[in-house]
Amino acid sequence: MLDSNLVLKSIDFKEKIYVAFSGGPDSTALLYLLAMIRNDYDELKLKAIHVNHNLSKNSMSWESHCKKVCSDLNIDLITESIEVVSDGGGIESASRQARYKIFKNLLETNEQILLAHHSDDLAETVFMRLLRGTGADGLEGPLSQRAIGKGLLIRPLLEISKEEILNYLTENNIKFIEDESNKENEFDRNFLRNKVFPLLETRWKNFSIRINNTSSILKNRNKIYSELFNEKFHDLIGNNIELKKIHGLSDSVISDILRYSIKECNIAMPNSKIMKEIIKTFVHSKPGSKSIVRWSRSDKELNAGKITYQKGYIIISKG
C-alpha cells in the first residue's frame, strides 16, 4: 500500500530533500506523498528538480506541467535543460548519465534526492542484468539507498507496484503526464515492459513478484556470504593487496578479494572478462611498474577504476 510511512522510514528530516520530478505517474505520486508529509512536519526542507532532456516535442509542455504542480503544492522547483548525446550506449543510458550527473552536482553534504523507482522497475532491472550476464550482486537489483556525490540517493518506493501507484493517483484524482517514448519498443526496457513481461505473465502469474522474491533471497544470501568472507579474509581486503599473500589461493577466492576491495573503494565493478584479465596480469604473470588494467561502467554511475603494481603490491584506485 502506498502511504507516507514508506517515505518516513527512509529520509532524514534534518537534511534537505529533493524529489526527482519528471511529471510522470511515479514521481508525481512520490511528490504528493512528500507534500502531505510536509504538512505534518514543518521542519521538512523539500524541493523538486525537473530535468528536461529535450528529446520530445512535448518536453516544454511537460516542464510547464511540473512547474504548475510544484506551484500548486508550494514546492520550490529547480529545472535543468540538457542536450542528450549518446556515446554509443544508447539514448536511454546517455539520458540517465546526464540526470545522475546533475543530481551529483546538486547535492551538498548529507542532502538527499528521492527517486520513484518501484517494484516493477526493480524486476525489469534484475531481468536486464540477468540477460547481460551479471553476477550475484547485480541480481540484488537497485539499492534502496546509496551515496551520490556528497549526498544520498534514496528509492523509497521499491516495495510498491506500478498498479498501486496508479491506484493512488486515481483515488486522489491526481493528474500526471505520459511520456510517449515509453511505447517505443526499440528501447530494451520498454521491450521488456511492453512485450516480454506481459507474455510471461500469461504463463507465470505474478511474474515480477517472483523475480523480486528471488532478488531478495539473493540479497540475504550475499549478505551472509559477505560477512563470512570478510571475516576470513579481512586482512587481505583493501586498496593495497600484497601479492605474495594471495598466491596459492584459487582464482575464485582472489576474484572475490578483489571484488570486495574494489567495492570498498567506491568505484565501478569490473565485469568477469576484466576480472580474469586482472588475475592473469597480476597473479599468473610477473607484473611490473608498467602493468595496468583499467575498466569503467557504461552508465558512468560510479568512477572508473584501475589496478597497477608497486613493490609487491597491487594498487586499486580510481581510473
Protein backbone atom coordinates (compact mmCIF):
# COMPACT_ATOMS: atom_id res chain seq x y z
CA MET A 1 0.00 0.00 0.00
CA LEU A 2 1.30 3.44 -0.95
CA ASP A 3 1.43 5.64 2.14
CA SER A 4 3.68 8.15 3.86
CA ASN A 5 5.28 5.57 6.16
CA LEU A 6 7.31 4.22 3.23
CA VAL A 7 8.96 7.61 2.85
CA LEU A 8 9.14 8.46 6.55
CA LYS A 9 11.30 5.44 7.33
CA SER A 10 13.72 6.32 4.51
CA ILE A 11 14.53 10.00 4.99
CA ASP A 12 16.47 12.20 7.39
CA PHE A 13 14.37 15.22 8.35
CA LYS A 14 17.42 17.22 9.38
CA GLU A 15 18.74 17.39 5.82
CA LYS A 16 17.34 18.94 2.65
CA ILE A 17 15.29 16.63 0.43
CA TYR A 18 14.91 16.82 -3.34
CA VAL A 19 12.41 14.83 -5.39
CA ALA A 20 13.43 13.94 -8.95
CA PHE A 21 10.21 15.01 -10.67
CA SER A 22 9.55 14.11 -14.31
CA GLY A 23 5.80 14.70 -14.13
CA GLY A 24 5.12 11.02 -14.83
CA PRO A 25 2.94 8.87 -12.56
CA ASP A 26 5.68 7.50 -10.32
CA SER A 27 7.44 10.75 -9.43
CA THR A 28 4.07 12.54 -9.19
CA ALA A 29 2.86 10.08 -6.55
CA LEU A 30 6.13 10.46 -4.64
CA LEU A 31 5.97 14.26 -4.77
CA TYR A 32 2.39 14.33 -3.46
CA LEU A 33 3.37 11.97 -0.64
CA LEU A 34 6.21 14.30 0.35
CA ALA A 35 3.92 17.32 0.17
CA MET A 36 1.49 15.55 2.50
CA ILE A 37 4.30 14.68 4.91
CA ARG A 38 5.47 18.29 4.92
CA ASN A 39 2.02 19.36 6.12
CA ASP A 40 2.65 17.34 9.30
CA TYR A 41 6.38 18.06 9.65
CA ASP A 42 7.17 21.76 9.37
CA GLU A 43 10.90 21.10 9.60
CA LEU A 44 10.94 19.20 6.30
CA LYS A 45 13.05 21.10 3.75
CA LEU A 46 11.57 19.97 0.44
CA LYS A 47 12.44 20.86 -3.14
CA ALA A 48 11.90 19.22 -6.53
CA ILE A 49 14.14 19.02 -9.59
CA HIS A 50 12.97 18.51 -13.17
CA VAL A 51 15.45 17.56 -15.89
CA ASN A 52 14.26 18.48 -19.39
CA HIS A 53 16.05 16.12 -21.81
CA ASN A 54 14.64 17.92 -24.88
CA LEU A 55 14.04 14.57 -26.59
CA SER A 56 10.32 15.02 -27.22
CA LYS A 57 8.22 17.65 -28.96
CA ASN A 58 6.29 17.75 -25.68
CA SER A 59 9.33 18.48 -23.49
CA MET A 60 8.43 22.12 -22.82
CA SER A 61 4.82 21.19 -22.11
CA TRP A 62 6.00 18.64 -19.54
CA GLU A 63 8.26 21.21 -17.93
CA SER A 64 5.34 23.67 -17.71
CA HIS A 65 3.18 20.95 -16.14
CA CYS A 66 5.84 20.29 -13.50
CA LYS A 67 6.13 23.99 -12.72
CA LYS A 68 2.36 24.25 -12.23
CA VAL A 69 2.20 21.17 -9.99
CA CYS A 70 5.02 22.47 -7.80
CA SER A 71 3.46 25.92 -7.67
CA ASP A 72 0.12 24.43 -6.59
CA LEU A 73 1.89 22.39 -3.89
CA ASN A 74 4.07 25.34 -2.84
CA ILE A 75 7.26 23.39 -3.56
CA ASP A 76 10.35 25.10 -4.99
CA LEU A 77 11.29 23.57 -8.35
CA ILE A 78 14.71 23.55 -9.98
CA THR A 79 14.66 22.97 -13.75
CA GLU A 80 17.63 21.82 -15.78
CA SER A 81 17.63 21.73 -19.59
CA ILE A 82 20.12 19.38 -21.24
CA GLU A 83 21.10 18.10 -24.66
CA VAL A 84 21.49 14.34 -24.57
CA VAL A 85 24.37 12.99 -26.65
CA SER A 86 24.78 9.23 -26.91
CA ASP A 87 28.32 7.92 -26.52
CA GLY A 88 27.46 4.59 -28.13
CA GLY A 89 25.48 3.15 -25.23
CA GLY A 90 22.13 4.43 -26.48
CA ILE A 91 19.87 7.35 -25.61
CA GLU A 92 18.45 5.61 -22.51
CA SER A 93 21.88 5.24 -20.96
CA ALA A 94 23.04 8.72 -22.01
CA SER A 95 19.91 10.34 -20.53
CA ARG A 96 20.41 8.51 -17.26
CA GLN A 97 24.08 9.51 -17.11
CA ALA A 98 23.16 13.16 -17.69
CA ARG A 99 20.47 13.11 -14.97
CA TYR A 100 22.69 11.48 -12.40
CA LYS A 101 25.49 13.93 -13.13
CA ILE A 102 23.07 16.78 -12.39
CA PHE A 103 21.93 15.09 -9.17
CA LYS A 104 25.52 14.50 -8.11
CA ASN A 105 26.47 18.14 -8.66
CA LEU A 106 23.31 19.40 -6.96
CA LEU A 107 23.63 17.72 -3.58
CA GLU A 108 25.58 19.19 -0.70
CA THR A 109 26.82 17.07 2.21
CA ASN A 110 24.13 14.67 3.51
CA GLU A 111 21.40 16.13 1.30
CA GLN A 112 19.01 13.57 -0.19
CA ILE A 113 17.45 13.04 -3.58
CA LEU A 114 14.46 10.73 -3.80
CA LEU A 115 13.72 8.69 -6.94
CA ALA A 116 10.37 6.98 -7.54
CA HIS A 117 11.57 3.57 -8.75
CA HIS A 118 9.06 0.86 -7.78
CA SER A 119 8.94 -2.93 -7.61
CA ASP A 120 8.19 -3.33 -11.33
CA ASP A 121 11.28 -1.25 -12.13
CA LEU A 122 13.29 -3.47 -9.81
CA ALA A 123 12.12 -6.61 -11.62
CA GLU A 124 12.95 -5.08 -15.01
CA THR A 125 16.44 -4.11 -13.84
CA VAL A 126 17.16 -7.57 -12.42
CA PHE A 127 15.90 -9.24 -15.62
CA MET A 128 18.00 -6.96 -17.83
CA ARG A 129 21.09 -7.63 -15.74
CA LEU A 130 20.41 -11.36 -15.95
CA LEU A 131 20.30 -11.12 -19.75
CA ARG A 132 23.63 -9.26 -19.71
CA GLY A 133 25.28 -11.94 -17.57
CA THR A 134 25.59 -10.14 -14.24
CA GLY A 135 26.99 -11.67 -11.07
CA ALA A 136 25.19 -12.44 -7.81
CA ASP A 137 25.47 -8.85 -6.57
CA GLY A 138 23.86 -7.50 -9.74
CA LEU A 139 20.83 -9.72 -9.23
CA GLU A 140 20.07 -7.88 -5.98
CA GLY A 141 18.67 -5.08 -8.13
CA PRO A 142 18.87 -1.34 -7.45
CA LEU A 143 19.86 -0.31 -3.93
CA SER A 144 17.22 1.40 -1.81
CA GLN A 145 19.88 3.86 -0.70
CA ARG A 146 23.40 4.72 -1.85
CA ALA A 147 25.88 7.57 -1.91
CA ILE A 148 25.84 10.02 -4.81
CA GLY A 149 28.40 12.79 -4.75
CA LYS A 150 28.25 14.42 -1.31
CA GLY A 151 24.70 13.25 -0.67
CA LEU A 152 22.38 10.26 -0.74
CA LEU A 153 20.18 8.76 -3.45
CA ILE A 154 17.09 7.13 -1.94
CA ARG A 155 14.44 4.91 -3.56
CA PRO A 156 11.60 4.70 -1.01
CA LEU A 157 9.01 3.02 -3.27
CA LEU A 158 10.80 -0.23 -4.19
CA GLU A 159 8.23 -2.23 -2.22
CA ILE A 160 5.33 -0.69 -4.17
CA SER A 161 4.00 -1.87 -7.55
CA LYS A 162 3.12 0.29 -10.53
CA GLU A 163 -0.51 -0.74 -10.11
CA GLU A 164 -0.55 0.56 -6.54
CA ILE A 165 0.91 3.88 -7.70
CA LEU A 166 -1.73 4.27 -10.42
CA ASN A 167 -4.49 3.37 -7.96
CA TYR A 168 -3.22 6.05 -5.56
CA LEU A 169 -3.27 8.67 -8.30
CA THR A 170 -6.75 7.66 -9.46
CA GLU A 171 -8.20 7.60 -5.94
CA ASN A 172 -6.82 11.08 -5.25
CA ASN A 173 -7.70 12.48 -8.69
CA ILE A 174 -4.07 13.47 -9.33
CA LYS A 175 -3.05 14.30 -12.90
CA PHE A 176 0.24 13.24 -14.46
CA ILE A 177 1.90 13.22 -17.87
CA GLU A 178 2.57 10.20 -20.05
CA ASP A 179 5.82 10.00 -22.00
CA GLU A 180 5.05 8.70 -25.49
CA SER A 181 8.55 7.22 -25.71
CA ASN A 182 7.51 4.59 -23.15
CA LYS A 183 5.67 2.87 -26.02
CA GLU A 184 8.74 2.72 -28.27
CA ASN A 185 9.91 -0.87 -28.06
CA GLU A 186 13.31 -0.32 -29.65
CA PHE A 187 14.42 0.63 -26.13
CA ASP A 188 15.39 -2.50 -24.17
CA ARG A 189 13.48 -1.65 -21.02
CA ASN A 190 10.32 -0.75 -22.95
CA PHE A 191 10.56 -4.01 -24.91
CA LEU A 192 10.67 -5.96 -21.66
CA ARG A 193 7.89 -3.90 -20.08
CA ASN A 194 5.53 -3.85 -23.06
CA LYS A 195 6.20 -7.18 -24.76
CA VAL A 196 8.16 -9.71 -22.71
CA PHE A 197 6.75 -9.26 -19.21
CA PRO A 198 3.06 -9.31 -20.27
CA LEU A 199 3.69 -12.50 -22.26
CA LEU A 200 5.46 -14.20 -19.34
CA GLU A 201 2.68 -13.05 -17.02
CA THR A 202 0.12 -15.01 -19.08
CA ARG A 203 2.04 -18.21 -18.30
CA TRP A 204 3.52 -17.42 -14.87
CA LYS A 205 1.23 -15.22 -12.77
CA ASN A 206 2.85 -12.55 -10.60
CA PHE A 207 6.00 -12.86 -12.67
CA SER A 208 7.52 -9.60 -11.41
CA ILE A 209 6.88 -10.58 -7.80
CA ARG A 210 8.67 -13.89 -8.38
CA ILE A 211 11.72 -12.08 -9.74
CA ASN A 212 11.76 -9.69 -6.79
CA ASN A 213 11.42 -12.56 -4.32
CA THR A 214 14.43 -14.26 -5.89
CA SER A 215 16.33 -10.97 -5.78
CA SER A 216 15.51 -10.63 -2.08
CA ILE A 217 16.69 -14.18 -1.36
CA LEU A 218 19.94 -13.46 -3.19
CA LYS A 219 20.40 -10.24 -1.24
CA ASN A 220 20.17 -12.15 2.05
CA ARG A 221 22.49 -14.86 0.77
CA ASN A 222 25.01 -12.28 -0.42
CA LYS A 223 24.90 -10.54 2.97
CA ILE A 224 25.69 -13.78 4.82
CA TYR A 225 28.43 -14.71 2.36
CA SER A 226 29.91 -11.22 2.58
CA GLU A 227 30.07 -11.37 6.39
CA LEU A 228 31.75 -14.79 6.38
CA PHE A 229 34.16 -13.91 3.57
CA ASN A 230 35.20 -10.61 5.15
CA GLU A 231 35.74 -12.33 8.49
CA LYS A 232 38.08 -14.89 6.92
CA PHE A 233 39.96 -12.61 4.52
CA HIS A 234 39.60 -9.16 6.13
CA ASP A 235 43.39 -8.65 6.30
CA LEU A 236 43.63 -9.02 2.50
CA ILE A 237 40.80 -6.65 1.59
CA GLY A 238 41.79 -3.07 0.82
CA ASN A 239 43.17 -0.80 -1.88
CA ASN A 240 46.71 -2.23 -1.46
CA ILE A 241 46.91 -6.03 -1.71
CA GLU A 242 50.20 -7.83 -1.09
CA LEU A 243 50.61 -10.31 -3.93
CA LYS A 244 52.50 -12.98 -2.02
CA LYS A 245 49.58 -13.29 0.40
CA ILE A 246 47.10 -14.23 -2.32
CA HIS A 247 49.38 -16.58 -4.27
CA GLY A 248 48.14 -20.13 -3.78
CA LEU A 249 44.52 -19.11 -3.37
CA SER A 250 42.01 -20.18 -6.01
CA ASP A 251 41.05 -17.73 -8.76
CA SER A 252 37.50 -17.64 -7.35
CA VAL A 253 38.72 -16.52 -3.92
CA ILE A 254 41.15 -14.00 -5.44
CA SER A 255 38.32 -12.65 -7.59
CA ASP A 256 36.17 -12.08 -4.51
CA ILE A 257 39.05 -10.47 -2.58
CA LEU A 258 39.42 -8.07 -5.49
CA ARG A 259 35.67 -7.54 -5.72
CA TYR A 260 35.28 -6.63 -2.05
CA SER A 261 38.38 -4.43 -2.21
CA ILE A 262 37.06 -2.58 -5.26
CA LYS A 263 33.67 -2.17 -3.57
CA GLU A 264 35.38 -0.54 -0.56
CA CYS A 265 36.99 1.98 -2.92
CA ASN A 266 33.52 3.04 -4.19
CA ILE A 267 34.45 2.58 -7.84
CA ALA A 268 32.81 0.65 -10.68
CA MET A 269 32.93 -3.14 -10.51
CA PRO A 270 34.76 -4.78 -13.44
CA ASN A 271 32.91 -7.45 -15.39
CA SER A 272 34.02 -11.08 -15.40
CA LYS A 273 36.18 -10.62 -18.51
CA ILE A 274 38.11 -7.74 -16.92
CA MET A 275 38.43 -9.65 -13.64
CA LYS A 276 40.05 -12.56 -15.49
CA GLU A 277 42.43 -10.09 -17.16
CA ILE A 278 43.36 -8.64 -13.75
CA ILE A 279 44.14 -12.07 -12.31
CA LYS A 280 46.10 -13.08 -15.42
CA THR A 281 48.12 -9.83 -15.42
CA PHE A 282 48.95 -9.60 -11.73
CA VAL A 283 48.68 -13.14 -10.32
CA HIS A 284 49.51 -15.60 -13.12
CA SER A 285 52.15 -13.38 -14.73
CA LYS A 286 55.09 -11.38 -13.41
CA PRO A 287 53.79 -7.80 -13.11
CA GLY A 288 55.98 -4.72 -13.35
CA SER A 289 55.72 -0.97 -12.85
CA LYS A 290 54.03 -0.60 -16.26
CA SER A 291 51.41 -3.29 -15.63
CA ILE A 292 47.92 -1.79 -15.61
CA VAL A 293 44.32 -2.85 -16.15
CA ARG A 294 41.58 -0.21 -16.50
CA TRP A 295 37.81 -0.51 -16.58
CA SER A 296 34.69 1.62 -16.42
CA ARG A 297 30.93 1.27 -16.18
CA SER A 298 28.88 2.12 -19.26
CA ASP A 299 26.40 4.28 -17.34
CA LYS A 300 29.25 6.09 -15.53
CA GLU A 301 27.23 5.93 -12.32
CA LEU A 302 30.42 5.03 -10.44
CA ASN A 303 34.00 6.15 -11.06
CA ALA A 304 36.17 4.15 -13.46
CA GLY A 305 38.87 2.03 -11.86
CA LYS A 306 42.38 0.79 -12.47
CA ILE A 307 44.85 -1.65 -10.92
CA THR A 308 48.60 -1.09 -11.01
CA TYR A 309 51.65 -2.75 -9.43
CA GLN A 310 54.17 -1.32 -7.00
CA LYS A 311 56.82 -3.08 -4.88
CA GLY A 312 54.98 -6.37 -4.39
CA TYR A 313 51.52 -4.83 -4.06
CA ILE A 314 48.65 -4.40 -6.47
CA ILE A 315 47.10 -0.95 -6.09
CA ILE A 316 43.39 -0.29 -6.65
CA SER A 317 42.44 3.31 -7.46
CA LYS A 318 40.08 5.48 -9.46
CA GLY A 319 40.86 5.37 -13.15
